Amino acid sequence: MIMINRPSTVLATAVLAVSLAACVSEKQNDAELKAQAKVSETDARQTALAKVPNGTIKEAELEKEHGKIIWSFDVATPDTKDITEVNVDAVTGGIVSVEHEAAK
């Protein structure tokens, strides 16, 4: 076995290890959030789309924000590049917030 002990190799190995650990932690966190959510993504999507007529969901995420577990949806509408972010409480199903974001 040949051992190469270069600082760049050691650094690359450390970065890879930290990245792998972060991915495992993120998947565990996602599983924990899903276990706590009482509202399905499908039901939350319907709630979000009811707030944005003619909208299409471009991105969806389950996350914890300000102590609440929420379904966060980025909703696009025809004739604009702006996005409406709709956050739905994943426990109660109520709307937490609706924010309009200008296209970047």
PDB file of N, CA and C in Angstrom:
ATOM      1  N   MET A   1       0.850  -1.171   0.000  1.00  0.00           N
ATOM      2  CA  MET A   1       0.000   0.000   0.000  1.00  0.00           C
ATOM      3  C   MET A   1       0.895   1.232   0.000  1.00  0.00           C
ATOM      4  N   ILE A   2       0.544   2.195  -0.829  1.00  0.00           N
ATOM      5  CA  ILE A   2       1.293   3.440  -0.920  1.00  0.00           C
ATOM      6  C   ILE A   2       0.512   4.506  -0.181  1.00  0.00           C
ATOM      7  N   MET A   3       1.147   5.179   0.737  1.00  0.00           N
ATOM      8  CA  MET A   3       0.521   6.248   1.516  1.00  0.00           C
ATOM      9  C   MET A   3       1.057   7.585   1.019  1.00  0.00           C
ATOM     10  N   ILE A   4       0.183   8.463   0.628  1.00  0.00           N
ATOM     11  CA  ILE A   4       0.568   9.807   0.221  1.00  0.00           C
ATOM     12  C   ILE A   4       0.069  10.745   1.298  1.00  0.00           C
ATOM     13  N   ASN A   5       0.969  11.424   1.915  1.00  0.00           N
ATOM     14  CA  ASN A   5       0.597  12.307   3.018  1.00  0.00           C
ATOM     15  C   ASN A   5       0.830  13.755   2.604  1.00  0.00           C
ATOM     16  N   ARG A   6       0.045  14.205   1.690  1.00  0.00           N
ATOM     17  CA  ARG A   6       0.120  15.589   1.241  1.00  0.00           C
ATOM     18  C   ARG A   6      -0.970  16.381   1.941  1.00  0.00           C
ATOM     19  N   PRO A   7      -0.674  17.614   2.284  1.00  0.00           N
ATOM     20  CA  PRO A   7      -1.710  18.439   2.932  1.00  0.00           C
ATOM     21  C   PRO A   7      -2.981  18.546   2.101  1.00  0.00           C
ATOM     22  N   SER A   8      -2.844  18.634   0.776  1.00  0.00           N
ATOM     23  CA  SER A   8      -4.049  18.760  -0.059  1.00  0.00           C
ATOM     24  C   SER A   8      -4.892  17.492  -0.022  1.00  0.00           C
ATOM     25  N   THR A   9      -4.239  16.333   0.058  1.00  0.00           N
ATOM     26  CA  THR A   9      -4.965  15.060   0.143  1.00  0.00           C
ATOM     27  C   THR A   9      -5.687  14.951   1.479  1.00  0.00           C
ATOM     28  N   VAL A  10      -5.020  15.352   2.538  1.00  0.00           N
ATOM     29  CA  VAL A  10      -5.625  15.312   3.874  1.00  0.00           C
ATOM     30  C   VAL A  10      -6.807  16.271   3.932  1.00  0.00           C
ATOM     31  N   LEU A  11      -6.645  17.463   3.377  1.00  0.00           N
ATOM     32  CA  LEU A  11      -7.723  18.450   3.372  1.00  0.00           C
ATOM     33  C   LEU A  11      -8.911  17.948   2.556  1.00  0.00           C
ATOM     34  N   ALA A  12      -8.651  17.385   1.393  1.00  0.00           N
ATOM     35  CA  ALA A  12      -9.727  16.863   0.546  1.00  0.00           C
ATOM     36  C   ALA A  12     -10.481  15.748   1.254  1.00  0.00           C
ATOM     37  N   THR A  13      -9.771  14.886   1.943  1.00  0.00           N
ATOM     38  CA  THR A  13     -10.405  13.797   2.688  1.00  0.00           C
ATOM     39  C   THR A  13     -11.275  14.352   3.807  1.00  0.00           C
ATOM     40  N   ALA A  14     -10.795  15.369   4.500  1.00  0.00           N
ATOM     41  CA  ALA A  14     -11.558  15.973   5.591  1.00  0.00           C
ATOM     42  C   ALA A  14     -12.824  16.642   5.063  1.00  0.00           C
ATOM     43  N   VAL A  15     -12.713  17.352   3.951  1.00  0.00           N
ATOM     44  CA  VAL A  15     -13.881  18.015   3.357  1.00  0.00           C
ATOM     45  C   VAL A  15     -14.913  16.977   2.929  1.00  0.00           C
ATOM     46  N   LEU A  16     -14.469  15.901   2.329  1.00  0.00           N
ATOM     47  CA  LEU A  16     -15.375  14.832   1.912  1.00  0.00           C
ATOM     48  C   LEU A  16     -16.095  14.218   3.114  1.00  0.00           C
ATOM     49  N   ALA A  17     -15.379  13.997   4.190  1.00  0.00           N
ATOM     50  CA  ALA A  17     -15.971  13.409   5.396  1.00  0.00           C
ATOM     51  C   ALA A  17     -17.035  14.333   5.989  1.00  0.00           C
ATOM     52  N   VAL A  18     -16.740  15.618   6.051  1.00  0.00           N
ATOM     53  CA  VAL A  18     -17.700  16.582   6.598  1.00  0.00           C
ATOM     54  C   VAL A  18     -18.935  16.659   5.706  1.00  0.00           C
ATOM     55  N   SER A  19     -18.741  16.664   4.388  1.00  0.00           N
ATOM     56  CA  SER A  19     -19.871  16.708   3.453  1.00  0.00           C
ATOM     57  C   SER A  19     -20.763  15.485   3.601  1.00  0.00           C
ATOM     58  N   LEU A  20     -20.155  14.318   3.722  1.00  0.00           N
ATOM     59  CA  LEU A  20     -20.916  13.085   3.896  1.00  0.00           C
ATOM     60  C   LEU A  20     -21.709  13.115   5.197  1.00  0.00           C
ATOM     61  N   ALA A  21     -21.085  13.587   6.259  1.00  0.00           N
ATOM     62  CA  ALA A  21     -21.771  13.674   7.556  1.00  0.00           C
ATOM     63  C   ALA A  21     -22.949  14.639   7.471  1.00  0.00           C
ATOM     64  N   ALA A  22     -22.793  15.749   6.756  1.00  0.00           N
ATOM     65  CA  ALA A  22     -23.880  16.719   6.605  1.00  0.00           C
ATOM     66  C   ALA A  22     -25.050  16.111   5.840  1.00  0.00           C
ATOM     67  N   CYS A  23     -24.765  15.325   4.807  1.00  0.00           N
ATOM     68  CA  CYS A  23     -25.828  14.669   4.035  1.00  0.00           C
ATOM     69  C   CYS A  23     -26.601  13.681   4.892  1.00  0.00           C
ATOM     70  N   VAL A  24     -25.901  12.895   5.692  1.00  0.00           N
ATOM     71  CA  VAL A  24     -26.551  11.921   6.565  1.00  0.00           C
ATOM     72  C   VAL A  24     -27.416  12.653   7.589  1.00  0.00           C
ATOM     73  N   SER A  25     -26.876  13.740   8.159  1.00  0.00           N
ATOM     74  CA  SER A  25     -27.625  14.516   9.144  1.00  0.00           C
ATOM     75  C   SER A  25     -28.863  15.135   8.520  1.00  0.00           C
ATOM     76  N   GLU A  26     -28.749  15.644   7.296  1.00  0.00           N
ATOM     77  CA  GLU A  26     -29.884  16.258   6.608  1.00  0.00           C
ATOM     78  C   GLU A  26     -30.982  15.228   6.348  1.00  0.00           C
ATOM     79  N   LYS A  27     -30.605  14.021   5.941  1.00  0.00           N
ATOM     80  CA  LYS A  27     -31.609  12.974   5.695  1.00  0.00           C
ATOM     81  C   LYS A  27     -32.303  12.574   6.989  1.00  0.00           C
ATOM     82  N   GLN A  28     -31.542  12.512   8.094  1.00  0.00           N
ATOM     83  CA  GLN A  28     -32.155  12.196   9.387  1.00  0.00           C
ATOM     84  C   GLN A  28     -33.116  13.309   9.780  1.00  0.00           C
ATOM     85  N   ASN A  29     -32.706  14.567   9.560  1.00  0.00           N
ATOM     86  CA  ASN A  29     -33.545  15.704   9.890  1.00  0.00           C
ATOM     87  C   ASN A  29     -34.829  15.682   9.069  1.00  0.00           C
ATOM     88  N   ASP A  30     -34.731  15.377   7.768  1.00  0.00           N
ATOM     89  CA  ASP A  30     -35.911  15.276   6.912  1.00  0.00           C
ATOM     90  C   ASP A  30     -36.869  14.210   7.431  1.00  0.00           C
ATOM     91  N   ALA A  31     -36.335  13.082   7.825  1.00  0.00           N
ATOM     92  CA  ALA A  31     -37.172  11.992   8.346  1.00  0.00           C
ATOM     93  C   ALA A  31     -37.872  12.417   9.636  1.00  0.00           C
ATOM     94  N   GLU A  32     -37.162  13.126  10.495  1.00  0.00           N
ATOM     95  CA  GLU A  32     -37.759  13.611  11.741  1.00  0.00           C
ATOM     96  C   GLU A  32     -38.895  14.595  11.460  1.00  0.00           C
ATOM     97  N   LEU A  33     -38.672  15.510  10.519  1.00  0.00           N
ATOM     98  CA  LEU A  33     -39.709  16.478  10.176  1.00  0.00           C
ATOM     99  C   LEU A  33     -40.935  15.789   9.588  1.00  0.00           C
ATOM    100  N   LYS A  34     -40.718  14.832   8.697  1.00  0.00           N
ATOM    101  CA  LYS A  34     -41.838  14.107   8.093  1.00  0.00           C
ATOM    102  C   LYS A  34     -42.636  13.343   9.144  1.00  0.00           C
ATOM    103  N   ALA A  35     -41.934  12.827  10.144  1.00  0.00           N
ATOM    104  CA  ALA A  35     -42.618  12.096  11.211  1.00  0.00           C
ATOM    105  C   ALA A  35     -43.499  13.029  12.045  1.00  0.00           C
ATOM    106  N   GLN A  36     -43.118  14.285  12.162  1.00  0.00           N
ATOM    107  CA  GLN A  36     -43.872  15.253  12.960  1.00  0.00           C
ATOM    108  C   GLN A  36     -44.992  15.925  12.172  1.00  0.00           C
ATOM    109  N   ALA A  37     -44.896  15.915  10.854  1.00  0.00           N
ATOM    110  CA  ALA A  37     -45.904  16.578  10.012  1.00  0.00           C
ATOM    111  C   ALA A  37     -47.215  15.800  10.060  1.00  0.00           C
ATOM    112  N   LYS A  38     -48.282  16.514  10.275  1.00  0.00           N
ATOM    113  CA  LYS A  38     -49.620  15.905  10.295  1.00  0.00           C
ATOM    114  C   LYS A  38     -50.351  16.128   8.970  1.00  0.00           C
ATOM    115  N   VAL A  39     -49.882  17.114   8.198  1.00  0.00           N
ATOM    116  CA  VAL A  39     -50.502  17.469   6.926  1.00  0.00           C
ATOM    117  C   VAL A  39     -49.613  16.940   5.807  1.00  0.00           C
ATOM    118  N   SER A  40     -50.200  16.208   4.870  1.00  0.00           N
ATOM    119  CA  SER A  40     -49.425  15.651   3.764  1.00  0.00           C
ATOM    120  C   SER A  40     -48.987  16.760   2.808  1.00  0.00           C
ATOM    121  N   GLU A  41     -47.962  16.476   2.032  1.00  0.00           N
ATOM    122  CA  GLU A  41     -47.517  17.437   1.029  1.00  0.00           C
ATOM    123  C   GLU A  41     -48.629  17.708   0.022  1.00  0.00           C
ATOM    124  N   THR A  42     -49.364  16.679  -0.346  1.00  0.00           N
ATOM    125  CA  THR A  42     -50.457  16.827  -1.311  1.00  0.00           C
ATOM    126  C   THR A  42     -51.514  17.806  -0.803  1.00  0.00           C
ATOM    127  N   ASP A  43     -51.925  17.655   0.456  1.00  0.00           N
ATOM    128  CA  ASP A  43     -52.929  18.559   1.026  1.00  0.00           C
ATOM    129  C   ASP A  43     -52.379  19.980   1.157  1.00  0.00           C
ATOM    130  N   ALA A  44     -51.113  20.096   1.551  1.00  0.00           N
ATOM    131  CA  ALA A  44     -50.498  21.415   1.690  1.00  0.00           C
ATOM    132  C   ALA A  44     -50.374  22.095   0.327  1.00  0.00           C
ATOM    133  N   ARG A  45     -50.093  21.320  -0.711  1.00  0.00           N
ATOM    134  CA  ARG A  45     -50.010  21.871  -2.074  1.00  0.00           C
ATOM    135  C   ARG A  45     -51.350  22.490  -2.478  1.00  0.00           C
ATOM    136  N   GLN A  46     -52.437  21.780  -2.200  1.00  0.00           N
ATOM    137  CA  GLN A  46     -53.765  22.288  -2.550  1.00  0.00           C
ATOM    138  C   GLN A  46     -54.044  23.609  -1.829  1.00  0.00           C
ATOM    139  N   THR A  47     -53.650  23.682  -0.570  1.00  0.00           N
ATOM    140  CA  THR A  47     -53.835  24.900   0.214  1.00  0.00           C
ATOM    141  C   THR A  47     -53.023  26.045  -0.383  1.00  0.00           C
ATOM    142  N   ALA A  48     -51.773  25.765  -0.747  1.00  0.00           N
ATOM    143  CA  ALA A  48     -50.900  26.795  -1.321  1.00  0.00           C
ATOM    144  C   ALA A  48     -51.434  27.281  -2.661  1.00  0.00           C
ATOM    145  N   LEU A  49     -51.863  26.360  -3.514  1.00  0.00           N
ATOM    146  CA  LEU A  49     -52.363  26.737  -4.833  1.00  0.00           C
ATOM    147  C   LEU A  49     -53.667  27.528  -4.751  1.00  0.00           C
ATOM    148  N   ALA A  50     -54.441  27.317  -3.705  1.00  0.00           N
ATOM    149  CA  ALA A  50     -55.673  28.084  -3.525  1.00  0.00           C
ATOM    150  C   ALA A  50     -55.364  29.565  -3.263  1.00  0.00           C
ATOM    151  N   LYS A  51     -54.174  29.854  -2.766  1.00  0.00           N
ATOM    152  CA  LYS A  51     -53.758  31.233  -2.489  1.00  0.00           C
ATOM    153  C   LYS A  51     -53.195  31.940  -3.719  1.00  0.00           C
ATOM    154  N   VAL A  52     -52.815  31.171  -4.740  1.00  0.00           N
ATOM    155  CA  VAL A  52     -52.185  31.751  -5.932  1.00  0.00           C
ATOM    156  C   VAL A  52     -52.940  31.248  -7.170  1.00  0.00           C
ATOM    157  N   PRO A  53     -53.958  31.981  -7.599  1.00  0.00           N
ATOM    158  CA  PRO A  53     -54.739  31.552  -8.763  1.00  0.00           C
ATOM    159  C   PRO A  53     -53.846  31.353  -9.995  1.00  0.00           C
ATOM    160  N   ASN A  54     -54.083  30.291 -10.717  1.00  0.00           N
ATOM    161  CA  ASN A  54     -53.327  29.930 -11.923  1.00  0.00           C
ATOM    162  C   ASN A  54     -51.859  29.638 -11.645  1.00  0.00           C
ATOM    163  N   GLY A  55     -51.528  29.343 -10.394  1.00  0.00           N
ATOM    164  CA  GLY A  55     -50.130  29.092 -10.032  1.00  0.00           C
ATOM    165  C   GLY A  55     -49.681  27.674 -10.327  1.00  0.00           C
ATOM    166  N   THR A  56     -48.362  27.534 -10.458  1.00  0.00           N
ATOM    167  CA  THR A  56     -47.724  26.235 -10.646  1.00  0.00           C
ATOM    168  C   THR A  56     -46.586  26.130  -9.639  1.00  0.00           C
ATOM    169  N   ILE A  57     -46.574  25.067  -8.875  1.00  0.00           N
ATOM    170  CA  ILE A  57     -45.518  24.894  -7.878  1.00  0.00           C
ATOM    171  C   ILE A  57     -44.221  24.498  -8.571  1.00  0.00           C
ATOM    172  N   LYS A  58     -43.189  25.275  -8.317  1.00  0.00           N
ATOM    173  CA  LYS A  58     -41.872  25.031  -8.910  1.00  0.00           C
ATOM    174  C   LYS A  58     -40.950  24.320  -7.944  1.00  0.00           C
ATOM    175  N   GLU A  59     -41.161  24.515  -6.646  1.00  0.00           N
ATOM    176  CA  GLU A  59     -40.306  23.885  -5.643  1.00  0.00           C
ATOM    177  C   GLU A  59     -41.089  23.723  -4.352  1.00  0.00           C
ATOM    178  N   ALA A  60     -40.852  22.600  -3.674  1.00  0.00           N
ATOM    179  CA  ALA A  60     -41.512  22.337  -2.403  1.00  0.00           C
ATOM    180  C   ALA A  60     -40.484  21.805  -1.420  1.00  0.00           C
ATOM    181  N   GLU A  61     -40.648  22.198  -0.145  1.00  0.00           N
ATOM    182  CA  GLU A  61     -39.688  21.770   0.862  1.00  0.00           C
ATOM    183  C   GLU A  61     -40.375  21.714   2.221  1.00  0.00           C
ATOM    184  N   LEU A  62     -40.067  20.692   2.972  1.00  0.00           N
ATOM    185  CA  LEU A  62     -40.514  20.592   4.356  1.00  0.00           C
ATOM    186  C   LEU A  62     -39.375  21.086   5.224  1.00  0.00           C
ATOM    187  N   GLU A  63     -39.658  22.070   6.070  1.00  0.00           N
ATOM    188  CA  GLU A  63     -38.590  22.650   6.879  1.00  0.00           C
ATOM    189  C   GLU A  63     -39.119  23.169   8.204  1.00  0.00           C
ATOM    190  N   LYS A  64     -38.199  23.456   9.099  1.00  0.00           N
ATOM    191  CA  LYS A  64     -38.560  24.060  10.376  1.00  0.00           C
ATOM    192  C   LYS A  64     -38.117  25.509  10.336  1.00  0.00           C
ATOM    193  N   GLU A  65     -39.074  26.401  10.550  1.00  0.00           N
ATOM    194  CA  GLU A  65     -38.795  27.826  10.466  1.00  0.00           C
ATOM    195  C   GLU A  65     -39.522  28.532  11.604  1.00  0.00           C
ATOM    196  N   HIS A  66     -38.802  29.311  12.366  1.00  0.00           N
ATOM    197  CA  HIS A  66     -39.374  30.046  13.500  1.00  0.00           C
ATOM    198  C   HIS A  66     -40.112  29.111  14.461  1.00  0.00           C
ATOM    199  N   GLY A  67     -39.558  27.920  14.657  1.00  0.00           N
ATOM    200  CA  GLY A  67     -40.133  26.970  15.594  1.00  0.00           C
ATOM    201  C   GLY A  67     -41.313  26.161  15.070  1.00  0.00           C
ATOM    202  N   LYS A  68     -41.697  26.386  13.808  1.00  0.00           N
ATOM    203  CA  LYS A  68     -42.824  25.654  13.218  1.00  0.00           C
ATOM    204  C   LYS A  68     -42.331  24.764  12.085  1.00  0.00           C
ATOM    205  N   ILE A  69     -42.976  23.633  11.940  1.00  0.00           N
ATOM    206  CA  ILE A  69     -42.702  22.768  10.798  1.00  0.00           C
ATOM    207  C   ILE A  69     -43.650  23.215   9.693  1.00  0.00           C
ATOM    208  N   ILE A  70     -43.065  23.572   8.546  1.00  0.00           N
ATOM    209  CA  ILE A  70     -43.873  24.107   7.459  1.00  0.00           C
ATOM    210  C   ILE A  70     -43.557  23.421   6.141  1.00  0.00           C
ATOM    211  N   TRP A  71     -44.550  23.425   5.282  1.00  0.00           N
ATOM    212  CA  TRP A  71     -44.348  23.102   3.874  1.00  0.00           C
ATOM    213  C   TRP A  71     -44.151  24.441   3.195  1.00  0.00           C
ATOM    214  N   SER A  72     -43.031  24.618   2.524  1.00  0.00           N
ATOM    215  CA  SER A  72     -42.724  25.857   1.826  1.00  0.00           C
ATOM    216  C   SER A  72     -42.814  25.598   0.319  1.00  0.00           C
ATOM    217  N   PHE A  73     -43.623  26.406  -0.368  1.00  0.00           N
ATOM    218  CA  PHE A  73     -43.828  26.232  -1.802  1.00  0.00           C
ATOM    219  C   PHE A  73     -43.454  27.506  -2.550  1.00  0.00           C
ATOM    220  N   ASP A  74     -42.675  27.362  -3.611  1.00  0.00           N
ATOM    221  CA  ASP A  74     -42.404  28.455  -4.538  1.00  0.00           C
ATOM    222  C   ASP A  74     -43.382  28.275  -5.695  1.00  0.00           C
ATOM    223  N   VAL A  75     -44.259  29.266  -5.854  1.00  0.00           N
ATOM    224  CA  VAL A  75     -45.323  29.167  -6.846  1.00  0.00           C
ATOM    225  C   VAL A  75     -45.113  30.223  -7.935  1.00  0.00           C
ATOM    226  N   ALA A  76     -45.068  29.760  -9.172  1.00  0.00           N
ATOM    227  CA  ALA A  76     -44.939  30.654 -10.329  1.00  0.00           C
ATOM    228  C   ALA A  76     -46.324  30.907 -10.902  1.00  0.00           C
ATOM    229  N   THR A  77     -46.484  32.093 -11.493  1.00  0.00           N
ATOM    230  CA  THR A  77     -47.739  32.420 -12.160  1.00  0.00           C
ATOM    231  C   THR A  77     -47.444  32.853 -13.594  1.00  0.00           C
ATOM    232  N   PRO A  78     -48.412  32.646 -14.492  1.00  0.00           N
ATOM    233  CA  PRO A  78     -48.200  33.028 -15.888  1.00  0.00           C
ATOM    234  C   PRO A  78     -47.965  34.537 -16.011  1.00  0.00           C
ATOM    235  N   ASP A  79     -47.259  34.918 -17.039  1.00  0.00           N
ATOM    236  CA  ASP A  79     -47.030  36.323 -17.388  1.00  0.00           C
ATOM    237  C   ASP A  79     -46.151  37.092 -16.404  1.00  0.00           C
ATOM    238  N   THR A  80     -45.433  36.413 -15.529  1.00  0.00           N
ATOM    239  CA  THR A  80     -44.487  37.081 -14.638  1.00  0.00           C
ATOM    240  C   THR A  80     -43.369  36.117 -14.270  1.00  0.00           C
ATOM    241  N   LYS A  81     -42.210  36.657 -14.002  1.00  0.00           N
ATOM    242  CA  LYS A  81     -41.090  35.830 -13.550  1.00  0.00           C
ATOM    243  C   LYS A  81     -40.999  35.813 -12.031  1.00  0.00           C
ATOM    244  N   ASP A  82     -41.849  36.597 -11.375  1.00  0.00           N
ATOM    245  CA  ASP A  82     -41.857  36.643  -9.919  1.00  0.00           C
ATOM    246  C   ASP A  82     -42.367  35.323  -9.349  1.00  0.00           C
ATOM    247  N   ILE A  83     -42.008  35.079  -8.116  1.00  0.00           N
ATOM    248  CA  ILE A  83     -42.412  33.865  -7.404  1.00  0.00           C
ATOM    249  C   ILE A  83     -43.189  34.268  -6.162  1.00  0.00           C
ATOM    250  N   THR A  84     -44.220  33.517  -5.845  1.00  0.00           N
ATOM    251  CA  THR A  84     -44.939  33.697  -4.590  1.00  0.00           C
ATOM    252  C   THR A  84     -44.575  32.524  -3.701  1.00  0.00           C
ATOM    253  N   GLU A  85     -44.010  32.823  -2.542  1.00  0.00           N
ATOM    254  CA  GLU A  85     -43.685  31.766  -1.581  1.00  0.00           C
ATOM    255  C   GLU A  85     -44.850  31.638  -0.614  1.00  0.00           C
ATOM    256  N   VAL A  86     -45.405  30.440  -0.560  1.00  0.00           N
ATOM    257  CA  VAL A  86     -46.520  30.163   0.348  1.00  0.00           C
ATOM    258  C   VAL A  86     -46.056  29.124   1.356  1.00  0.00           C
ATOM    259  N   ASN A  87     -46.174  29.464   2.641  1.00  0.00           N
ATOM    260  CA  ASN A  87     -45.797  28.547   3.705  1.00  0.00           C
ATOM    261  C   ASN A  87     -47.048  28.040   4.406  1.00  0.00           C
ATOM    262  N   VAL A  88     -47.155  26.717   4.476  1.00  0.00           N
ATOM    263  CA  VAL A  88     -48.312  26.062   5.085  1.00  0.00           C
ATOM    264  C   VAL A  88     -47.846  25.304   6.325  1.00  0.00           C
ATOM    265  N   ASP A  89     -48.523  25.518   7.447  1.00  0.00           N
ATOM    266  CA  ASP A  89     -48.182  24.824   8.689  1.00  0.00           C
ATOM    267  C   ASP A  89     -48.380  23.321   8.480  1.00  0.00           C
ATOM    268  N   ALA A  90     -47.337  22.535   8.698  1.00  0.00           N
ATOM    269  CA  ALA A  90     -47.387  21.091   8.455  1.00  0.00           C
ATOM    270  C   ALA A  90     -48.106  20.335   9.570  1.00  0.00           C
ATOM    271  N   VAL A  91     -48.485  21.033  10.637  1.00  0.00           N
ATOM    272  CA  VAL A  91     -49.224  20.390  11.728  1.00  0.00           C
ATOM    273  C   VAL A  91     -50.706  20.742  11.656  1.00  0.00           C
ATOM    274  N   THR A  92     -51.007  22.026  11.414  1.00  0.00           N
ATOM    275  CA  THR A  92     -52.412  22.452  11.414  1.00  0.00           C
ATOM    276  C   THR A  92     -53.017  22.579  10.013  1.00  0.00           C
ATOM    277  N   GLY A  93     -52.175  22.775   8.995  1.00  0.00           N
ATOM    278  CA  GLY A  93     -52.668  22.961   7.636  1.00  0.00           C
ATOM    279  C   GLY A  93     -53.010  24.396   7.303  1.00  0.00           C
ATOM    280  N   GLY A  94     -52.837  25.303   8.261  1.00  0.00           N
ATOM    281  CA  GLY A  94     -53.139  26.716   8.020  1.00  0.00           C
ATOM    282  C   GLY A  94     -52.013  27.431   7.289  1.00  0.00           C
ATOM    283  N   ILE A  95     -52.350  28.545   6.668  1.00  0.00           N
ATOM    284  CA  ILE A  95     -51.353  29.373   5.985  1.00  0.00           C
ATOM    285  C   ILE A  95     -50.534  30.110   7.042  1.00  0.00           C
ATOM    286  N   VAL A  96     -49.217  30.012   6.945  1.00  0.00           N
ATOM    287  CA  VAL A  96     -48.318  30.716   7.847  1.00  0.00           C
ATOM    288  C   VAL A  96     -47.959  32.063   7.254  1.00  0.00           C
ATOM    289  N   SER A  97     -47.628  32.066   5.952  1.00  0.00           N
ATOM    290  CA  SER A  97     -47.263  33.327   5.303  1.00  0.00           C
ATOM    291  C   SER A  97     -47.364  33.187   3.792  1.00  0.00           C
ATOM    292  N   VAL A  98     -47.522  34.346   3.142  1.00  0.00           N
ATOM    293  CA  VAL A  98     -47.516  34.434   1.688  1.00  0.00           C
ATOM    294  C   VAL A  98     -46.639  35.636   1.351  1.00  0.00           C
ATOM    295  N   GLU A  99     -45.550  35.401   0.628  1.00  0.00           N
ATOM    296  CA  GLU A  99     -44.623  36.481   0.280  1.00  0.00           C
ATOM    297  C   GLU A  99     -44.347  36.480  -1.211  1.00  0.00           C
ATOM    298  N   HIS A 100     -44.308  37.655  -1.785  1.00  0.00           N
ATOM    299  CA  HIS A 100     -44.007  37.796  -3.208  1.00  0.00           C
ATOM    300  C   HIS A 100     -42.527  38.125  -3.345  1.00  0.00           C
ATOM    301  N   GLU A 101     -41.838  37.374  -4.182  1.00  0.00           N
ATOM    302  CA  GLU A 101     -40.410  37.566  -4.387  1.00  0.00           C
ATOM    303  C   GLU A 101     -40.174  37.946  -5.837  1.00  0.00           C
ATOM    304  N   ALA A 102     -39.485  39.049  -6.056  1.00  0.00           N
ATOM    305  CA  ALA A 102     -39.161  39.497  -7.402  1.00  0.00           C
ATOM    306  C   ALA A 102     -38.132  38.542  -8.015  1.00  0.00           C
ATOM    307  N   ALA A 103     -38.228  38.350  -9.323  1.00  0.00           N
ATOM    308  CA  ALA A 103     -37.277  37.501 -10.033  1.00  0.00           C
ATOM    309  C   ALA A 103     -35.875  38.066  -9.867  1.00  0.00           C
ATOM    310  N   LYS A 104     -34.913  37.169  -9.688  1.00  0.00           N
ATOM    311  CA  LYS A 104     -33.526  37.599  -9.470  1.00  0.00           C
ATOM    312  C   LYS A 104     -32.738  37.518 -10.729  1.00  0.00           C
TER     313      LYS A 104
END
